[in-house]
Amino acid sequence: INTRLREMEVQLHLSEVKGPVMDRLQK
């Protein structure tokens, strides 16, 4: 999704990410 939106010149943002989910994303 991030790649496709970049090609469309659209930025992808996240909000209100829970701690355990953020911990895994940071890996």
PDB file of all heavy atoms in Angstrom:
ATOM      1  N   ILE A   1       0.839  -1.203   0.000  1.00  0.00           N
ATOM      2  CA  ILE A   1       0.000   0.000   0.000  1.00  0.00           C
ATOM      3  C   ILE A   1       0.871   1.250   0.000  1.00  0.00           C
ATOM      4  O   ILE A   1       0.637   2.213  -0.742  1.00  0.00           O
ATOM      5  CB  ILE A   1      -0.937  -0.006   1.233  1.00  0.00           C
ATOM      6  CG1 ILE A   1      -1.989  -1.112   1.093  1.00  0.00           C
ATOM      7  CG2 ILE A   1      -1.624   1.351   1.402  1.00  0.00           C
ATOM      8  CD1 ILE A   1      -2.781  -1.356   2.366  1.00  0.00           C
ATOM      9  N   ASN A   2       1.907   1.237   0.824  1.00  0.00           N
ATOM     10  CA  ASN A   2       2.819   2.371   0.916  1.00  0.00           C
ATOM     11  C   ASN A   2       3.488   2.635  -0.434  1.00  0.00           C
ATOM     12  O   ASN A   2       3.609   3.785  -0.889  1.00  0.00           O
ATOM     13  CB  ASN A   2       3.867   2.091   1.990  1.00  0.00           C
ATOM     14  CG  ASN A   2       4.766   3.284   2.268  1.00  0.00           C
ATOM     15  OD1 ASN A   2       4.286   4.388   2.527  1.00  0.00           O
ATOM     16  ND2 ASN A   2       6.080   3.063   2.186  1.00  0.00           N
ATOM     17  N   THR A   3       3.918   1.551  -1.120  1.00  0.00           N
ATOM     18  CA  THR A   3       4.583   1.690  -2.424  1.00  0.00           C
ATOM     19  C   THR A   3       3.625   2.242  -3.479  1.00  0.00           C
ATOM     20  O   THR A   3       3.975   3.151  -4.247  1.00  0.00           O
ATOM     21  CB  THR A   3       5.136   0.321  -2.875  1.00  0.00           C
ATOM     22  OG1 THR A   3       6.064  -0.147  -1.904  1.00  0.00           O
ATOM     23  CG2 THR A   3       5.828   0.435  -4.224  1.00  0.00           C
ATOM     24  N   ARG A   4       2.418   1.701  -3.532  1.00  0.00           N
ATOM     25  CA  ARG A   4       1.444   2.144  -4.527  1.00  0.00           C
ATOM     26  C   ARG A   4       1.045   3.601  -4.316  1.00  0.00           C
ATOM     27  O   ARG A   4       0.904   4.369  -5.275  1.00  0.00           O
ATOM     28  CB  ARG A   4       0.208   1.242  -4.480  1.00  0.00           C
ATOM     29  CG  ARG A   4       0.437  -0.153  -5.036  1.00  0.00           C
ATOM     30  CD  ARG A   4      -0.808  -0.994  -4.904  1.00  0.00           C
ATOM     31  NE  ARG A   4      -0.613  -2.326  -5.457  1.00  0.00           N
ATOM     32  CZ  ARG A   4      -1.511  -3.299  -5.358  1.00  0.00           C
ATOM     33  NH1 ARG A   4      -2.665  -3.070  -4.726  1.00  0.00           N
ATOM     34  NH2 ARG A   4      -1.271  -4.482  -5.888  1.00  0.00           N
ATOM     35  N   LEU A   5       0.861   3.977  -3.062  1.00  0.00           N
ATOM     36  CA  LEU A   5       0.483   5.370  -2.775  1.00  0.00           C
ATOM     37  C   LEU A   5       1.627   6.323  -3.132  1.00  0.00           C
ATOM     38  O   LEU A   5       1.393   7.443  -3.605  1.00  0.00           O
ATOM     39  CB  LEU A   5       0.091   5.522  -1.303  1.00  0.00           C
ATOM     40  CG  LEU A   5      -1.223   4.857  -0.882  1.00  0.00           C
ATOM     41  CD1 LEU A   5      -1.457   5.048   0.624  1.00  0.00           C
ATOM     42  CD2 LEU A   5      -2.410   5.415  -1.657  1.00  0.00           C
ATOM     43  N   ARG A   6       2.880   5.877  -2.902  1.00  0.00           N
ATOM     44  CA  ARG A   6       4.018   6.717  -3.279  1.00  0.00           C
ATOM     45  C   ARG A   6       4.004   6.979  -4.789  1.00  0.00           C
ATOM     46  O   ARG A   6       4.283   8.096  -5.236  1.00  0.00           O
ATOM     47  CB  ARG A   6       5.322   6.037  -2.883  1.00  0.00           C
ATOM     48  CG  ARG A   6       6.560   6.899  -3.237  1.00  0.00           C
ATOM     49  CD  ARG A   6       7.861   6.141  -3.109  1.00  0.00           C
ATOM     50  NE  ARG A   6       8.134   5.792  -1.717  1.00  0.00           N
ATOM     51  CZ  ARG A   6       8.253   4.541  -1.282  1.00  0.00           C
ATOM     52  NH1 ARG A   6       8.095   3.534  -2.125  1.00  0.00           N
ATOM     53  NH2 ARG A   6       8.503   4.299  -0.017  1.00  0.00           N
ATOM     54  N   GLU A   7       3.684   5.928  -5.565  1.00  0.00           N
ATOM     55  CA  GLU A   7       3.622   6.085  -7.011  1.00  0.00           C
ATOM     56  C   GLU A   7       2.518   7.043  -7.435  1.00  0.00           C
ATOM     57  O   GLU A   7       2.593   7.649  -8.510  1.00  0.00           O
ATOM     58  CB  GLU A   7       3.417   4.720  -7.669  1.00  0.00           C
ATOM     59  CG  GLU A   7       4.612   3.777  -7.487  1.00  0.00           C
ATOM     60  CD  GLU A   7       4.303   2.365  -7.919  1.00  0.00           C
ATOM     61  OE1 GLU A   7       3.113   2.094  -8.235  1.00  0.00           O
ATOM     62  OE2 GLU A   7       5.232   1.522  -7.946  1.00  0.00           O
ATOM     63  N   MET A   8       1.469   7.175  -6.605  1.00  0.00           N
ATOM     64  CA  MET A   8       0.377   8.114  -6.881  1.00  0.00           C
ATOM     65  C   MET A   8       0.639   9.490  -6.258  1.00  0.00           C
ATOM     66  O   MET A   8      -0.240  10.353  -6.273  1.00  0.00           O
ATOM     67  CB  MET A   8      -0.949   7.566  -6.317  1.00  0.00           C
ATOM     68  CG  MET A   8      -1.405   6.263  -6.914  1.00  0.00           C
ATOM     69  SD  MET A   8      -2.968   5.734  -6.136  1.00  0.00           S
ATOM     70  CE  MET A   8      -3.165   4.102  -6.840  1.00  0.00           C
ATOM     71  N   GLU A   9       1.819   9.642  -5.642  1.00  0.00           N
ATOM     72  CA  GLU A   9       2.187  10.883  -4.963  1.00  0.00           C
ATOM     73  C   GLU A   9       1.254  11.160  -3.782  1.00  0.00           C
ATOM     74  O   GLU A   9       0.850  12.290  -3.521  1.00  0.00           O
ATOM     75  CB  GLU A   9       2.194  12.074  -5.943  1.00  0.00           C
ATOM     76  CG  GLU A   9       3.223  11.925  -7.052  1.00  0.00           C
ATOM     77  CD  GLU A   9       3.255  13.143  -7.968  1.00  0.00           C
ATOM     78  OE1 GLU A   9       2.340  13.993  -7.868  1.00  0.00           O
ATOM     79  OE2 GLU A   9       4.195  13.231  -8.777  1.00  0.00           O
ATOM     80  N   VAL A  10       0.939  10.095  -3.082  1.00  0.00           N
ATOM     81  CA  VAL A  10       0.100  10.176  -1.874  1.00  0.00           C
ATOM     82  C   VAL A  10       0.910   9.603  -0.711  1.00  0.00           C
ATOM     83  O   VAL A  10       1.549   8.552  -0.843  1.00  0.00           O
ATOM     84  CB  VAL A  10      -1.218   9.394  -2.050  1.00  0.00           C
ATOM     85  CG1 VAL A  10      -2.024   9.423  -0.757  1.00  0.00           C
ATOM     86  CG2 VAL A  10      -2.025   9.963  -3.210  1.00  0.00           C
ATOM     87  N   GLN A  11       0.860  10.294   0.424  1.00  0.00           N
ATOM     88  CA  GLN A  11       1.588   9.833   1.605  1.00  0.00           C
ATOM     89  C   GLN A  11       0.682   8.978   2.500  1.00  0.00           C
ATOM     90  O   GLN A  11      -0.498   9.278   2.668  1.00  0.00           O
ATOM     91  CB  GLN A  11       2.114  11.025   2.401  1.00  0.00           C
ATOM     92  CG  GLN A  11       3.256  11.779   1.737  1.00  0.00           C
ATOM     93  CD  GLN A  11       3.808  12.865   2.630  1.00  0.00           C
ATOM     94  OE1 GLN A  11       3.057  13.609   3.256  1.00  0.00           O
ATOM     95  NE2 GLN A  11       5.140  12.963   2.700  1.00  0.00           N
ATOM     96  N   LEU A  12       1.285   7.922   3.079  1.00  0.00           N
ATOM     97  CA  LEU A  12       0.568   7.051   4.009  1.00  0.00           C
ATOM     98  C   LEU A  12       1.010   7.390   5.434  1.00  0.00           C
ATOM     99  O   LEU A  12       2.206   7.436   5.728  1.00  0.00           O
ATOM    100  CB  LEU A  12       0.863   5.586   3.711  1.00  0.00           C
ATOM    101  CG  LEU A  12       0.265   4.564   4.687  1.00  0.00           C
ATOM    102  CD1 LEU A  12      -1.276   4.586   4.635  1.00  0.00           C
ATOM    103  CD2 LEU A  12       0.765   3.142   4.379  1.00  0.00           C
ATOM    104  N   HIS A  13       0.034   7.599   6.326  1.00  0.00           N
ATOM    105  CA  HIS A  13       0.296   7.918   7.733  1.00  0.00           C
ATOM    106  C   HIS A  13      -0.431   6.922   8.634  1.00  0.00           C
ATOM    107  O   HIS A  13      -1.459   6.357   8.245  1.00  0.00           O
ATOM    108  CB  HIS A  13      -0.175   9.336   8.068  1.00  0.00           C
ATOM    109  CG  HIS A  13       0.320  10.382   7.127  1.00  0.00           C
ATOM    110  ND1 HIS A  13       1.511  11.065   7.316  1.00  0.00           N
ATOM    111  CD2 HIS A  13      -0.210  10.881   5.964  1.00  0.00           C
ATOM    112  CE1 HIS A  13       1.693  11.922   6.331  1.00  0.00           C
ATOM    113  NE2 HIS A  13       0.662  11.833   5.489  1.00  0.00           N
ATOM    114  N   LEU A  14       0.077   6.738   9.819  1.00  0.00           N
ATOM    115  CA  LEU A  14      -0.568   5.914  10.836  1.00  0.00           C
ATOM    116  C   LEU A  14      -0.863   6.773  12.050  1.00  0.00           C
ATOM    117  O   LEU A  14      -0.096   7.689  12.374  1.00  0.00           O
ATOM    118  CB  LEU A  14       0.322   4.740  11.244  1.00  0.00           C
ATOM    119  CG  LEU A  14       0.841   3.806  10.138  1.00  0.00           C
ATOM    120  CD1 LEU A  14       1.718   2.726  10.751  1.00  0.00           C
ATOM    121  CD2 LEU A  14      -0.307   3.203   9.349  1.00  0.00           C
ATOM    122  N   SER A  15      -1.978   6.454  12.748  1.00  0.00           N
ATOM    123  CA  SER A  15      -2.284   7.160  13.998  1.00  0.00           C
ATOM    124  C   SER A  15      -2.816   6.178  15.024  1.00  0.00           C
ATOM    125  O   SER A  15      -3.387   5.142  14.677  1.00  0.00           O
ATOM    126  CB  SER A  15      -3.327   8.269  13.754  1.00  0.00           C
ATOM    127  OG  SER A  15      -4.605   7.727  13.531  1.00  0.00           O
ATOM    128  N   GLU A  16      -2.593   6.506  16.293  1.00  0.00           N
ATOM    129  CA  GLU A  16      -3.120   5.748  17.434  1.00  0.00           C
ATOM    130  C   GLU A  16      -2.730   4.271  17.367  1.00  0.00           C
ATOM    131  O   GLU A  16      -3.538   3.380  17.621  1.00  0.00           O
ATOM    132  CB  GLU A  16      -4.639   5.911  17.529  1.00  0.00           C
ATOM    133  CG  GLU A  16      -5.069   7.370  17.672  1.00  0.00           C
ATOM    134  CD  GLU A  16      -6.565   7.558  17.902  1.00  0.00           C
ATOM    135  OE1 GLU A  16      -7.262   6.552  18.131  1.00  0.00           O
ATOM    136  OE2 GLU A  16      -7.017   8.714  17.851  1.00  0.00           O
ATOM    137  N   VAL A  17      -1.453   4.038  17.019  1.00  0.00           N
ATOM    138  CA  VAL A  17      -0.946   2.667  16.966  1.00  0.00           C
ATOM    139  C   VAL A  17      -0.697   2.173  18.394  1.00  0.00           C
ATOM    140  O   VAL A  17      -0.029   2.849  19.177  1.00  0.00           O
ATOM    141  CB  VAL A  17       0.360   2.596  16.141  1.00  0.00           C
ATOM    142  CG1 VAL A  17       0.844   1.152  16.054  1.00  0.00           C
ATOM    143  CG2 VAL A  17       0.138   3.179  14.758  1.00  0.00           C
ATOM    144  N   LYS A  18      -1.214   0.990  18.708  1.00  0.00           N
ATOM    145  CA  LYS A  18      -1.046   0.452  20.058  1.00  0.00           C
ATOM    146  C   LYS A  18       0.403   0.016  20.291  1.00  0.00           C
ATOM    147  O   LYS A  18       1.111  -0.371  19.357  1.00  0.00           O
ATOM    148  CB  LYS A  18      -1.996  -0.721  20.267  1.00  0.00           C
ATOM    149  CG  LYS A  18      -3.463  -0.303  20.263  1.00  0.00           C
ATOM    150  CD  LYS A  18      -4.386  -1.468  20.572  1.00  0.00           C
ATOM    151  CE  LYS A  18      -5.836  -0.997  20.644  1.00  0.00           C
ATOM    152  NZ  LYS A  18      -6.772  -2.094  20.930  1.00  0.00           N
ATOM    153  N   GLY A  19       0.816   0.053  21.558  1.00  0.00           N
ATOM    154  CA  GLY A  19       2.194  -0.250  21.920  1.00  0.00           C
ATOM    155  C   GLY A  19       2.705  -1.583  21.399  1.00  0.00           C
ATOM    156  O   GLY A  19       3.752  -1.647  20.748  1.00  0.00           O
ATOM    157  N   PRO A  20       1.997  -2.703  21.671  1.00  0.00           N
ATOM    158  CA  PRO A  20       2.492  -3.997  21.193  1.00  0.00           C
ATOM    159  C   PRO A  20       2.602  -4.062  19.673  1.00  0.00           C
ATOM    160  O   PRO A  20       3.518  -4.705  19.145  1.00  0.00           O
ATOM    161  CB  PRO A  20       1.426  -4.980  21.716  1.00  0.00           C
ATOM    162  CG  PRO A  20       0.820  -4.302  22.892  1.00  0.00           C
ATOM    163  CD  PRO A  20       0.818  -2.852  22.547  1.00  0.00           C
ATOM    164  N   VAL A  21       1.668  -3.396  18.962  1.00  0.00           N
ATOM    165  CA  VAL A  21       1.733  -3.378  17.499  1.00  0.00           C
ATOM    166  C   VAL A  21       2.942  -2.572  17.043  1.00  0.00           C
ATOM    167  O   VAL A  21       3.688  -2.978  16.139  1.00  0.00           O
ATOM    168  CB  VAL A  21       0.432  -2.794  16.906  1.00  0.00           C
ATOM    169  CG1 VAL A  21       0.529  -2.687  15.386  1.00  0.00           C
ATOM    170  CG2 VAL A  21      -0.766  -3.647  17.302  1.00  0.00           C
ATOM    171  N   MET A  22       3.184  -1.428  17.683  1.00  0.00           N
ATOM    172  CA  MET A  22       4.339  -0.591  17.340  1.00  0.00           C
ATOM    173  C   MET A  22       5.653  -1.333  17.612  1.00  0.00           C
ATOM    174  O   MET A  22       6.614  -1.228  16.835  1.00  0.00           O
ATOM    175  CB  MET A  22       4.295   0.717  18.136  1.00  0.00           C
ATOM    176  CG  MET A  22       5.448   1.670  17.826  1.00  0.00           C
ATOM    177  SD  MET A  22       5.490   2.185  16.101  1.00  0.00           S
ATOM    178  CE  MET A  22       4.149   3.400  16.127  1.00  0.00           C
ATOM    179  N   ASP A  23       5.694  -2.095  18.700  1.00  0.00           N
ATOM    180  CA  ASP A  23       6.908  -2.849  19.019  1.00  0.00           C
ATOM    181  C   ASP A  23       7.285  -3.790  17.879  1.00  0.00           C
ATOM    182  O   ASP A  23       8.460  -3.930  17.524  1.00  0.00           O
ATOM    183  CB  ASP A  23       6.706  -3.654  20.308  1.00  0.00           C
ATOM    184  CG  ASP A  23       6.592  -2.763  21.539  1.00  0.00           C
ATOM    185  OD1 ASP A  23       7.017  -1.588  21.456  1.00  0.00           O
ATOM    186  OD2 ASP A  23       6.068  -3.233  22.562  1.00  0.00           O
ATOM    187  N   ARG A  24       6.281  -4.423  17.293  1.00  0.00           N
ATOM    188  CA  ARG A  24       6.552  -5.378  16.212  1.00  0.00           C
ATOM    189  C   ARG A  24       6.911  -4.643  14.925  1.00  0.00           C
ATOM    190  O   ARG A  24       7.793  -5.084  14.178  1.00  0.00           O
ATOM    191  CB  ARG A  24       5.344  -6.291  16.000  1.00  0.00           C
ATOM    192  CG  ARG A  24       5.042  -7.168  17.201  1.00  0.00           C
ATOM    193  CD  ARG A  24       3.880  -8.096  16.977  1.00  0.00           C
ATOM    194  NE  ARG A  24       4.185  -9.130  15.999  1.00  0.00           N
ATOM    195  CZ  ARG A  24       3.349 -10.122  15.704  1.00  0.00           C
ATOM    196  NH1 ARG A  24       2.176 -10.194  16.298  1.00  0.00           N
ATOM    197  NH2 ARG A  24       3.682 -11.034  14.810  1.00  0.00           N
ATOM    198  N   LEU A  25       6.249  -3.520  14.663  1.00  0.00           N
ATOM    199  CA  LEU A  25       6.557  -2.764  13.449  1.00  0.00           C
ATOM    200  C   LEU A  25       7.984  -2.228  13.478  1.00  0.00           C
ATOM    201  O   LEU A  25       8.645  -2.118  12.435  1.00  0.00           O
ATOM    202  CB  LEU A  25       5.565  -1.600  13.286  1.00  0.00           C
ATOM    203  CG  LEU A  25       4.111  -1.974  12.961  1.00  0.00           C
ATOM    204  CD1 LEU A  25       3.257  -0.707  12.868  1.00  0.00           C
ATOM    205  CD2 LEU A  25       4.021  -2.771  11.662  1.00  0.00           C
ATOM    206  N   GLN A  26       8.465  -1.876  14.674  1.00  0.00           N
ATOM    207  CA  GLN A  26       9.807  -1.313  14.796  1.00  0.00           C
ATOM    208  C   GLN A  26      10.900  -2.358  14.538  1.00  0.00           C
ATOM    209  O   GLN A  26      12.065  -1.999  14.342  1.00  0.00           O
ATOM    210  CB  GLN A  26       9.990  -0.700  16.189  1.00  0.00           C
ATOM    211  CG  GLN A  26       9.213   0.602  16.368  1.00  0.00           C
ATOM    212  CD  GLN A  26       9.267   1.127  17.790  1.00  0.00           C
ATOM    213  OE1 GLN A  26       9.540   0.381  18.728  1.00  0.00           O
ATOM    214  NE2 GLN A  26       8.989   2.414  17.943  1.00  0.00           N
ATOM    215  N   LYS A  27      10.528  -3.637  14.521  1.00  0.00           N
ATOM    216  CA  LYS A  27      11.503  -4.683  14.233  1.00  0.00           C
ATOM    217  C   LYS A  27      11.766  -4.816  12.741  1.00  0.00           C
ATOM    218  O   LYS A  27      12.700  -5.515  12.337  1.00  0.00           O
ATOM    219  CB  LYS A  27      11.021  -6.023  14.797  1.00  0.00           C
ATOM    220  CG  LYS A  27      10.899  -6.056  16.314  1.00  0.00           C
ATOM    221  CD  LYS A  27      10.355  -7.406  16.785  1.00  0.00           C
ATOM    222  CE  LYS A  27      10.206  -7.439  18.300  1.00  0.00           C
ATOM    223  NZ  LYS A  27       9.645  -8.732  18.767  1.00  0.00           N
TER     224      LYS A  27
END
